[in-house]
All heavy atoms as atom14 arrays in JSON, in Angstrom:
{
  "sequence": "LVCAYCGTESPYELKDGGEAIEHDLVAALKAIPQTARGWQDDRRP",
  "atom14_mask": [
    [1, 1, 1, 1, 1, 1, 1, 1, 0, 0, 0, 0, 0, 0],
    [1, 1, 1, 1, 1, 1, 1, 0, 0, 0, 0, 0, 0, 0],
    [1, 1, 1, 1, 1, 1, 0, 0, 0, 0, 0, 0, 0, 0],
    [1, 1, 1, 1, 1, 0, 0, 0, 0, 0, 0, 0, 0, 0],
    [1, 1, 1, 1, 1, 1, 1, 1, 1, 1, 1, 1, 0, 0],
    [1, 1, 1, 1, 1, 1, 0, 0, 0, 0, 0, 0, 0, 0],
    [1, 1, 1, 1, 0, 0, 0, 0, 0, 0, 0, 0, 0, 0],
    [1, 1, 1, 1, 1, 1, 1, 0, 0, 0, 0, 0, 0, 0],
    [1, 1, 1, 1, 1, 1, 1, 1, 1, 0, 0, 0, 0, 0],
    [1, 1, 1, 1, 1, 1, 0, 0, 0, 0, 0, 0, 0, 0],
    [1, 1, 1, 1, 1, 1, 1, 0, 0, 0, 0, 0, 0, 0],
    [1, 1, 1, 1, 1, 1, 1, 1, 1, 1, 1, 1, 0, 0],
    [1, 1, 1, 1, 1, 1, 1, 1, 1, 0, 0, 0, 0, 0],
    [1, 1, 1, 1, 1, 1, 1, 1, 0, 0, 0, 0, 0, 0],
    [1, 1, 1, 1, 1, 1, 1, 1, 1, 0, 0, 0, 0, 0],
    [1, 1, 1, 1, 1, 1, 1, 1, 0, 0, 0, 0, 0, 0],
    [1, 1, 1, 1, 0, 0, 0, 0, 0, 0, 0, 0, 0, 0],
    [1, 1, 1, 1, 0, 0, 0, 0, 0, 0, 0, 0, 0, 0],
    [1, 1, 1, 1, 1, 1, 1, 1, 1, 0, 0, 0, 0, 0],
    [1, 1, 1, 1, 1, 0, 0, 0, 0, 0, 0, 0, 0, 0],
    [1, 1, 1, 1, 1, 1, 1, 1, 0, 0, 0, 0, 0, 0],
    [1, 1, 1, 1, 1, 1, 1, 1, 1, 0, 0, 0, 0, 0],
    [1, 1, 1, 1, 1, 1, 1, 1, 1, 1, 0, 0, 0, 0],
    [1, 1, 1, 1, 1, 1, 1, 1, 0, 0, 0, 0, 0, 0],
    [1, 1, 1, 1, 1, 1, 1, 1, 0, 0, 0, 0, 0, 0],
    [1, 1, 1, 1, 1, 1, 1, 0, 0, 0, 0, 0, 0, 0],
    [1, 1, 1, 1, 1, 0, 0, 0, 0, 0, 0, 0, 0, 0],
    [1, 1, 1, 1, 1, 0, 0, 0, 0, 0, 0, 0, 0, 0],
    [1, 1, 1, 1, 1, 1, 1, 1, 0, 0, 0, 0, 0, 0],
    [1, 1, 1, 1, 1, 1, 1, 1, 1, 0, 0, 0, 0, 0],
    [1, 1, 1, 1, 1, 0, 0, 0, 0, 0, 0, 0, 0, 0],
    [1, 1, 1, 1, 1, 1, 1, 1, 0, 0, 0, 0, 0, 0],
    [1, 1, 1, 1, 1, 1, 1, 0, 0, 0, 0, 0, 0, 0],
    [1, 1, 1, 1, 1, 1, 1, 1, 1, 0, 0, 0, 0, 0],
    [1, 1, 1, 1, 1, 1, 1, 0, 0, 0, 0, 0, 0, 0],
    [1, 1, 1, 1, 1, 0, 0, 0, 0, 0, 0, 0, 0, 0],
    [1, 1, 1, 1, 1, 1, 1, 1, 1, 1, 1, 0, 0, 0],
    [1, 1, 1, 1, 0, 0, 0, 0, 0, 0, 0, 0, 0, 0],
    [1, 1, 1, 1, 1, 1, 1, 1, 1, 1, 1, 1, 1, 1],
    [1, 1, 1, 1, 1, 1, 1, 1, 1, 0, 0, 0, 0, 0],
    [1, 1, 1, 1, 1, 1, 1, 1, 0, 0, 0, 0, 0, 0],
    [1, 1, 1, 1, 1, 1, 1, 1, 0, 0, 0, 0, 0, 0],
    [1, 1, 1, 1, 1, 1, 1, 1, 1, 1, 1, 0, 0, 0],
    [1, 1, 1, 1, 1, 1, 1, 1, 1, 1, 1, 0, 0, 0],
    [1, 1, 1, 1, 1, 1, 1, 0, 0, 0, 0, 0, 0, 0]
  ],
  "atom14_positions": [
    [[202.89, 189.16, -86.21], [201.46, 189.43, -86.11], [201.25, 190.81, -85.51], [201.79, 191.14, -84.45], [200.8, 188.37, -85.24], [200.63, 186.98, -85.87], [200.29, 185.96, -84.82], [199.56, 187.02, -86.94], [0.0, 0.0, 0.0], [0.0, 0.0, 0.0], [0.0, 0.0, 0.0], [0.0, 0.0, 0.0], [0.0, 0.0, 0.0], [0.0, 0.0, 0.0]],
    [[200.48, 191.64, -86.21], [200.24, 193.0, -85.79], [198.74, 193.27, -85.76], [198.0, 192.91, -86.69], [200.91, 194.02, -86.74], [200.63, 195.45, -86.29], [202.43, 193.76, -86.81], [0.0, 0.0, 0.0], [0.0, 0.0, 0.0], [0.0, 0.0, 0.0], [0.0, 0.0, 0.0], [0.0, 0.0, 0.0], [0.0, 0.0, 0.0], [0.0, 0.0, 0.0]],
    [[198.27, 193.9, -84.67], [196.84, 194.19, -84.54], [196.44, 195.26, -85.57], [197.09, 196.31, -85.68], [196.55, 194.7, -83.14], [194.77, 195.12, -82.9], [0.0, 0.0, 0.0], [0.0, 0.0, 0.0], [0.0, 0.0, 0.0], [0.0, 0.0, 0.0], [0.0, 0.0, 0.0], [0.0, 0.0, 0.0], [0.0, 0.0, 0.0], [0.0, 0.0, 0.0]],
    [[195.35, 195.01, -86.28], [194.89, 195.95, -87.3], [194.25, 197.19, -86.68], [194.02, 198.17, -87.37], [193.88, 195.26, -88.23], [0.0, 0.0, 0.0], [0.0, 0.0, 0.0], [0.0, 0.0, 0.0], [0.0, 0.0, 0.0], [0.0, 0.0, 0.0], [0.0, 0.0, 0.0], [0.0, 0.0, 0.0], [0.0, 0.0, 0.0], [0.0, 0.0, 0.0]],
    [[193.96, 197.13, -85.37], [193.26, 198.25, -84.73], [194.18, 199.12, -83.88], [194.15, 200.35, -84.01], [192.13, 197.69, -83.85], [191.13, 196.89, -84.64], [191.22, 195.5, -84.72], [190.07, 197.52, -85.31], [190.3, 194.76, -85.47], [189.17, 196.78, -86.07], [189.29, 195.41, -86.13], [188.41, 194.69, -86.88], [0.0, 0.0, 0.0], [0.0, 0.0, 0.0]],
    [[195.02, 198.5, -83.05], [195.88, 199.31, -82.16], [197.35, 199.22, -82.51], [198.16, 199.93, -81.91], [195.65, 198.9, -80.7], [196.27, 197.24, -80.3], [0.0, 0.0, 0.0], [0.0, 0.0, 0.0], [0.0, 0.0, 0.0], [0.0, 0.0, 0.0], [0.0, 0.0, 0.0], [0.0, 0.0, 0.0], [0.0, 0.0, 0.0], [0.0, 0.0, 0.0]],
    [[197.73, 198.35, -83.46], [199.12, 198.26, -83.87], [200.01, 197.44, -82.99], [201.23, 197.36, -83.24], [0.0, 0.0, 0.0], [0.0, 0.0, 0.0], [0.0, 0.0, 0.0], [0.0, 0.0, 0.0], [0.0, 0.0, 0.0], [0.0, 0.0, 0.0], [0.0, 0.0, 0.0], [0.0, 0.0, 0.0], [0.0, 0.0, 0.0], [0.0, 0.0, 0.0]],
    [[199.47, 196.8, -81.96], [200.29, 195.99, -81.07], [200.82, 194.76, -81.77], [200.08, 194.06, -82.48], [199.46, 195.56, -79.84], [199.0, 196.74, -79.16], [200.3, 194.7, -78.88], [0.0, 0.0, 0.0], [0.0, 0.0, 0.0], [0.0, 0.0, 0.0], [0.0, 0.0, 0.0], [0.0, 0.0, 0.0], [0.0, 0.0, 0.0], [0.0, 0.0, 0.0]],
    [[202.1, 194.47, -81.6], [202.68, 193.24, -82.13], [202.43, 192.12, -81.14], [202.72, 192.23, -79.95], [204.19, 193.42, -82.39], [204.5, 194.39, -83.49], [205.98, 194.37, -83.88], [206.65, 193.36, -83.61], [206.45, 195.37, -84.46], [0.0, 0.0, 0.0], [0.0, 0.0, 0.0], [0.0, 0.0, 0.0], [0.0, 0.0, 0.0], [0.0, 0.0, 0.0]],
    [[201.9, 191.02, -81.64], [201.51, 189.93, -80.76], [202.7, 189.0, -80.5], [203.41, 188.63, -81.43], [200.35, 189.13, -81.39], [199.26, 189.97, -81.63], [0.0, 0.0, 0.0], [0.0, 0.0, 0.0], [0.0, 0.0, 0.0], [0.0, 0.0, 0.0], [0.0, 0.0, 0.0], [0.0, 0.0, 0.0], [0.0, 0.0, 0.0], [0.0, 0.0, 0.0]],
    [[202.83, 188.57, -79.26], [203.91, 187.62, -78.94], [203.52, 186.2, -79.3], [203.53, 185.31, -78.46], [204.05, 187.79, -77.44], [202.67, 188.14, -76.98], [202.07, 188.97, -78.08], [0.0, 0.0, 0.0], [0.0, 0.0, 0.0], [0.0, 0.0, 0.0], [0.0, 0.0, 0.0], [0.0, 0.0, 0.0], [0.0, 0.0, 0.0], [0.0, 0.0, 0.0]],
    [[203.13, 185.99, -80.54], [202.71, 184.66, -81.01], [203.89, 183.99, -81.65], [204.56, 184.54, -82.52], [201.56, 184.81, -82.0], [201.05, 183.5, -82.57], [200.13, 182.75, -81.88], [201.51, 183.02, -83.8], [199.65, 181.54, -82.4], [201.05, 181.84, -84.33], [200.13, 181.09, -83.62], [199.67, 179.91, -84.15], [0.0, 0.0, 0.0], [0.0, 0.0, 0.0]],
    [[204.21, 182.78, -81.21], [205.36, 182.08, -81.73], [204.95, 181.25, -82.94], [204.22, 180.25, -82.82], [205.96, 181.17, -80.65], [207.27, 180.51, -81.1], [207.94, 179.75, -79.97], [207.56, 179.97, -78.79], [208.81, 178.93, -80.26], [0.0, 0.0, 0.0], [0.0, 0.0, 0.0], [0.0, 0.0, 0.0], [0.0, 0.0, 0.0], [0.0, 0.0, 0.0]],
    [[205.42, 181.65, -84.11], [205.1, 180.96, -85.36], [205.97, 179.71, -85.49], [207.13, 179.68, -85.04], [205.33, 181.87, -86.55], [204.37, 183.05, -86.68], [204.95, 184.07, -87.63], [203.01, 182.59, -87.15], [0.0, 0.0, 0.0], [0.0, 0.0, 0.0], [0.0, 0.0, 0.0], [0.0, 0.0, 0.0], [0.0, 0.0, 0.0], [0.0, 0.0, 0.0]],
    [[205.4, 178.71, -86.15], [206.19, 177.52, -86.4], [207.29, 177.81, -87.4], [207.09, 178.55, -88.35], [205.29, 176.4, -86.95], [204.22, 175.92, -85.98], [203.35, 174.86, -86.65], [202.26, 174.4, -85.71], [201.34, 173.44, -86.35], [0.0, 0.0, 0.0], [0.0, 0.0, 0.0], [0.0, 0.0, 0.0], [0.0, 0.0, 0.0], [0.0, 0.0, 0.0]],
    [[208.45, 177.28, -87.16], [209.56, 177.49, -88.08], [210.39, 176.23, -88.09], [210.25, 175.34, -87.26], [210.4, 178.7, -87.62], [211.24, 179.27, -88.76], [211.2, 178.67, -89.84], [211.9, 180.3, -88.54], [0.0, 0.0, 0.0], [0.0, 0.0, 0.0], [0.0, 0.0, 0.0], [0.0, 0.0, 0.0], [0.0, 0.0, 0.0], [0.0, 0.0, 0.0]],
    [[211.28, 176.17, -89.07], [212.15, 175.01, -89.19], [211.4, 173.84, -89.76], [210.25, 173.88, -90.17], [0.0, 0.0, 0.0], [0.0, 0.0, 0.0], [0.0, 0.0, 0.0], [0.0, 0.0, 0.0], [0.0, 0.0, 0.0], [0.0, 0.0, 0.0], [0.0, 0.0, 0.0], [0.0, 0.0, 0.0], [0.0, 0.0, 0.0], [0.0, 0.0, 0.0]],
    [[212.09, 172.69, -89.76], [211.51, 171.52, -90.35], [211.61, 171.52, -91.85], [211.92, 172.53, -92.48], [0.0, 0.0, 0.0], [0.0, 0.0, 0.0], [0.0, 0.0, 0.0], [0.0, 0.0, 0.0], [0.0, 0.0, 0.0], [0.0, 0.0, 0.0], [0.0, 0.0, 0.0], [0.0, 0.0, 0.0], [0.0, 0.0, 0.0], [0.0, 0.0, 0.0]],
    [[211.37, 170.4, -92.46], [211.49, 170.29, -93.9], [210.14, 170.03, -94.54], [209.27, 169.37, -93.96], [212.44, 169.15, -94.29], [213.91, 169.41, -93.89], [214.82, 168.34, -94.42], [214.32, 167.37, -95.06], [216.04, 168.43, -94.2], [0.0, 0.0, 0.0], [0.0, 0.0, 0.0], [0.0, 0.0, 0.0], [0.0, 0.0, 0.0], [0.0, 0.0, 0.0]],
    [[209.94, 170.58, -95.73], [208.74, 170.28, -96.5], [208.8, 168.83, -96.98], [209.8, 168.42, -97.55], [208.64, 171.24, -97.67], [0.0, 0.0, 0.0], [0.0, 0.0, 0.0], [0.0, 0.0, 0.0], [0.0, 0.0, 0.0], [0.0, 0.0, 0.0], [0.0, 0.0, 0.0], [0.0, 0.0, 0.0], [0.0, 0.0, 0.0], [0.0, 0.0, 0.0]],
    [[207.77, 168.1, -96.73], [207.75, 166.67, -97.04], [207.3, 166.43, -98.47], [206.26, 166.95, -98.89], [206.83, 165.89, -96.06], [207.33, 166.1, -94.62], [206.8, 164.43, -96.41], [206.41, 165.49, -93.59], [0.0, 0.0, 0.0], [0.0, 0.0, 0.0], [0.0, 0.0, 0.0], [0.0, 0.0, 0.0], [0.0, 0.0, 0.0], [0.0, 0.0, 0.0]],
    [[208.07, 165.68, -99.22], [207.69, 165.26, -100.55], [206.95, 163.93, -100.46], [207.5, 162.96, -99.89], [208.91, 165.11, -101.47], [209.71, 166.38, -101.65], [209.07, 167.33, -102.64], [208.05, 166.94, -103.24], [209.58, 168.45, -102.81], [0.0, 0.0, 0.0], [0.0, 0.0, 0.0], [0.0, 0.0, 0.0], [0.0, 0.0, 0.0], [0.0, 0.0, 0.0]],
    [[205.72, 163.87, -100.96], [204.91, 162.64, -100.87], [204.93, 161.86, -102.15], [204.94, 162.43, -103.24], [203.48, 162.99, -100.49], [203.33, 163.69, -99.18], [203.5, 163.07, -97.98], [203.09, 165.01, -98.89], [203.33, 163.94, -96.99], [203.09, 165.12, -97.53], [0.0, 0.0, 0.0], [0.0, 0.0, 0.0], [0.0, 0.0, 0.0], [0.0, 0.0, 0.0]],
    [[204.96, 160.55, -102.02], [204.95, 159.68, -103.19], [203.69, 159.87, -104.0], [202.57, 159.67, -103.49], [205.08, 158.23, -102.77], [205.2, 157.29, -103.94], [204.16, 156.85, -104.45], [206.35, 157.03, -104.37], [0.0, 0.0, 0.0], [0.0, 0.0, 0.0], [0.0, 0.0, 0.0], [0.0, 0.0, 0.0], [0.0, 0.0, 0.0], [0.0, 0.0, 0.0]],
    [[203.84, 160.25, -105.27], [202.69, 160.58, -106.1], [201.86, 159.37, -106.45], [200.63, 159.39, -106.37], [203.14, 161.33, -107.36], [202.04, 161.7, -108.34], [201.03, 162.62, -107.69], [202.64, 162.35, -109.59], [0.0, 0.0, 0.0], [0.0, 0.0, 0.0], [0.0, 0.0, 0.0], [0.0, 0.0, 0.0], [0.0, 0.0, 0.0], [0.0, 0.0, 0.0]],
    [[202.51, 158.28, -106.83], [201.78, 157.09, -107.26], [200.96, 156.55, -106.1], [199.77, 156.2, -106.27], [202.77, 156.02, -107.76], [202.02, 154.72, -108.11], [203.52, 156.54, -109.0], [0.0, 0.0, 0.0], [0.0, 0.0, 0.0], [0.0, 0.0, 0.0], [0.0, 0.0, 0.0], [0.0, 0.0, 0.0], [0.0, 0.0, 0.0], [0.0, 0.0, 0.0]],
    [[201.57, 156.5, -104.9], [200.81, 155.99, -103.74], [199.64, 156.9, -103.39], [198.56, 156.46, -103.04], [201.75, 155.85, -102.55], [0.0, 0.0, 0.0], [0.0, 0.0, 0.0], [0.0, 0.0, 0.0], [0.0, 0.0, 0.0], [0.0, 0.0, 0.0], [0.0, 0.0, 0.0], [0.0, 0.0, 0.0], [0.0, 0.0, 0.0], [0.0, 0.0, 0.0]],
    [[199.86, 158.21, -103.54], [198.79, 159.17, -103.2], [197.62, 159.05, -104.15], [196.48, 159.16, -103.73], [199.37, 160.58, -103.22], [0.0, 0.0, 0.0], [0.0, 0.0, 0.0], [0.0, 0.0, 0.0], [0.0, 0.0, 0.0], [0.0, 0.0, 0.0], [0.0, 0.0, 0.0], [0.0, 0.0, 0.0], [0.0, 0.0, 0.0], [0.0, 0.0, 0.0]],
    [[197.9, 158.85, -105.42], [196.82, 158.72, -106.39], [196.01, 157.46, -106.18], [194.83, 157.41, -106.54], [197.4, 158.75, -107.8], [198.0, 160.09, -108.25], [198.63, 159.94, -109.63], [196.95, 161.18, -108.27], [0.0, 0.0, 0.0], [0.0, 0.0, 0.0], [0.0, 0.0, 0.0], [0.0, 0.0, 0.0], [0.0, 0.0, 0.0], [0.0, 0.0, 0.0]],
    [[196.62, 156.47, -105.58], [195.89, 155.23, -105.3], [195.0, 155.36, -104.09], [193.89, 154.85, -104.07], [196.88, 154.07, -105.1], [197.61, 153.64, -106.38], [198.55, 152.48, -106.1], [199.23, 152.0, -107.38], [200.17, 150.89, -107.11], [0.0, 0.0, 0.0], [0.0, 0.0, 0.0], [0.0, 0.0, 0.0], [0.0, 0.0, 0.0], [0.0, 0.0, 0.0]],
    [[195.49, 156.02, -103.05], [194.68, 156.11, -101.82], [195.13, 157.33, -101.02], [196.22, 157.36, -100.5], [194.88, 154.82, -101.0], [0.0, 0.0, 0.0], [0.0, 0.0, 0.0], [0.0, 0.0, 0.0], [0.0, 0.0, 0.0], [0.0, 0.0, 0.0], [0.0, 0.0, 0.0], [0.0, 0.0, 0.0], [0.0, 0.0, 0.0], [0.0, 0.0, 0.0]],
    [[194.22, 158.3, -100.91], [194.47, 159.47, -100.06], [193.69, 159.28, -98.79], [192.45, 159.21, -98.82], [194.06, 160.76, -100.79], [194.85, 160.91, -102.09], [194.28, 161.97, -99.91], [194.4, 162.07, -102.95], [0.0, 0.0, 0.0], [0.0, 0.0, 0.0], [0.0, 0.0, 0.0], [0.0, 0.0, 0.0], [0.0, 0.0, 0.0], [0.0, 0.0, 0.0]],
    [[194.33, 159.19, -97.63], [193.6, 158.89, -96.38], [192.7, 160.03, -95.96], [192.95, 161.2, -96.25], [194.73, 158.7, -95.36], [195.88, 159.49, -95.91], [195.77, 159.37, -97.41], [0.0, 0.0, 0.0], [0.0, 0.0, 0.0], [0.0, 0.0, 0.0], [0.0, 0.0, 0.0], [0.0, 0.0, 0.0], [0.0, 0.0, 0.0], [0.0, 0.0, 0.0]],
    [[191.62, 159.67, -95.28], [190.68, 160.68, -94.77], [191.33, 161.62, -93.78], [190.92, 162.77, -93.62], [189.48, 159.99, -94.13], [188.55, 159.29, -95.12], [187.91, 160.29, -96.08], [187.56, 161.37, -95.72], [187.77, 159.87, -97.33], [0.0, 0.0, 0.0], [0.0, 0.0, 0.0], [0.0, 0.0, 0.0], [0.0, 0.0, 0.0], [0.0, 0.0, 0.0]],
    [[192.39, 161.18, -93.09], [193.06, 162.04, -92.08], [193.77, 163.19, -92.78], [194.17, 164.14, -92.11], [194.1, 161.22, -91.31], [195.02, 160.6, -92.23], [193.43, 160.16, -90.46], [0.0, 0.0, 0.0], [0.0, 0.0, 0.0], [0.0, 0.0, 0.0], [0.0, 0.0, 0.0], [0.0, 0.0, 0.0], [0.0, 0.0, 0.0], [0.0, 0.0, 0.0]],
    [[193.95, 163.14, -94.09], [194.63, 164.22, -94.81], [193.63, 165.12, -95.52], [194.01, 165.97, -96.31], [195.61, 163.63, -95.82], [0.0, 0.0, 0.0], [0.0, 0.0, 0.0], [0.0, 0.0, 0.0], [0.0, 0.0, 0.0], [0.0, 0.0, 0.0], [0.0, 0.0, 0.0], [0.0, 0.0, 0.0], [0.0, 0.0, 0.0], [0.0, 0.0, 0.0]],
    [[192.34, 164.94, -95.21], [191.31, 165.67, -95.94], [190.6, 166.66, -95.02], [190.58, 166.49, -93.8], [190.28, 164.72, -96.55], [190.87, 163.69, -97.49], [189.82, 162.63, -97.87], [190.38, 161.57, -98.64], [190.3, 161.5, -99.97], [189.71, 162.47, -100.64], [190.84, 160.48, -100.63], [0.0, 0.0, 0.0], [0.0, 0.0, 0.0], [0.0, 0.0, 0.0]],
    [[189.98, 167.69, -95.63], [189.19, 168.63, -94.88], [190.03, 169.7, -94.18], [191.2, 169.47, -93.89], [0.0, 0.0, 0.0], [0.0, 0.0, 0.0], [0.0, 0.0, 0.0], [0.0, 0.0, 0.0], [0.0, 0.0, 0.0], [0.0, 0.0, 0.0], [0.0, 0.0, 0.0], [0.0, 0.0, 0.0], [0.0, 0.0, 0.0], [0.0, 0.0, 0.0]],
    [[189.43, 170.84, -93.93], [190.17, 171.94, -93.26], [190.25, 171.73, -91.77], [191.15, 172.21, -91.11], [189.45, 173.28, -93.52], [189.56, 173.73, -94.96], [188.6, 173.56, -95.94], [190.66, 174.36, -95.58], [189.07, 174.08, -97.12], [190.34, 174.57, -96.95], [191.93, 174.78, -95.14], [191.19, 175.16, -97.85], [192.79, 175.38, -96.02], [192.43, 175.57, -97.37]],
    [[189.3, 170.99, -91.18], [189.28, 170.72, -89.75], [189.31, 172.02, -88.92], [190.07, 172.14, -87.95], [190.4, 169.79, -89.33], [190.23, 168.39, -89.87], [191.15, 167.38, -89.23], [192.16, 167.73, -88.64], [190.84, 166.11, -89.35], [0.0, 0.0, 0.0], [0.0, 0.0, 0.0], [0.0, 0.0, 0.0], [0.0, 0.0, 0.0], [0.0, 0.0, 0.0]],
    [[188.55, 172.99, -89.33], [188.41, 174.21, -88.57], [187.09, 174.85, -88.96], [186.3, 174.29, -89.69], [189.6, 175.18, -88.81], [189.55, 175.77, -90.2], [188.77, 175.3, -91.05], [190.35, 176.72, -90.47], [0.0, 0.0, 0.0], [0.0, 0.0, 0.0], [0.0, 0.0, 0.0], [0.0, 0.0, 0.0], [0.0, 0.0, 0.0], [0.0, 0.0, 0.0]],
    [[186.84, 176.07, -88.45], [185.54, 176.71, -88.7], [185.64, 177.75, -89.8], [184.8, 178.63, -89.88], [185.0, 177.35, -87.42], [185.95, 178.41, -86.86], [187.07, 178.59, -87.44], [185.6, 179.03, -85.85], [0.0, 0.0, 0.0], [0.0, 0.0, 0.0], [0.0, 0.0, 0.0], [0.0, 0.0, 0.0], [0.0, 0.0, 0.0], [0.0, 0.0, 0.0]],
    [[186.63, 177.65, -90.66], [186.71, 178.58, -91.78], [185.53, 178.34, -92.72], [185.04, 177.23, -92.86], [188.04, 178.41, -92.52], [189.24, 178.76, -91.66], [190.54, 178.62, -92.42], [190.77, 179.73, -93.33], [191.38, 180.86, -92.99], [191.82, 181.03, -91.77], [191.55, 181.82, -93.87], [0.0, 0.0, 0.0], [0.0, 0.0, 0.0], [0.0, 0.0, 0.0]],
    [[185.08, 179.42, -93.38], [183.82, 179.38, -94.14], [184.12, 179.42, -95.62], [184.53, 180.44, -96.19], [182.98, 180.61, -93.73], [181.65, 180.75, -94.49], [180.89, 181.93, -93.95], [181.59, 183.19, -94.19], [181.28, 184.04, -95.16], [180.28, 183.77, -95.99], [181.94, 185.15, -95.33], [0.0, 0.0, 0.0], [0.0, 0.0, 0.0], [0.0, 0.0, 0.0]],
    [[183.92, 178.3, -96.36], [184.13, 178.31, -97.8], [182.93, 178.91, -98.53], [181.79, 178.57, -98.23], [184.31, 176.82, -98.15], [183.56, 176.11, -97.08], [183.61, 176.96, -95.87], [0.0, 0.0, 0.0], [0.0, 0.0, 0.0], [0.0, 0.0, 0.0], [0.0, 0.0, 0.0], [0.0, 0.0, 0.0], [0.0, 0.0, 0.0], [0.0, 0.0, 0.0]]
  ]
}
């Protein structure tokens, strides 16, 4: 992460590692839970 104004590199620790989860397609098409929906932030669509 680099500041667009002063060029300072931020000491922000990004998430790394872990595996990408493959989800069962048939089960997902039947029922997608509300907990997996929405951005849950203040981003503006």
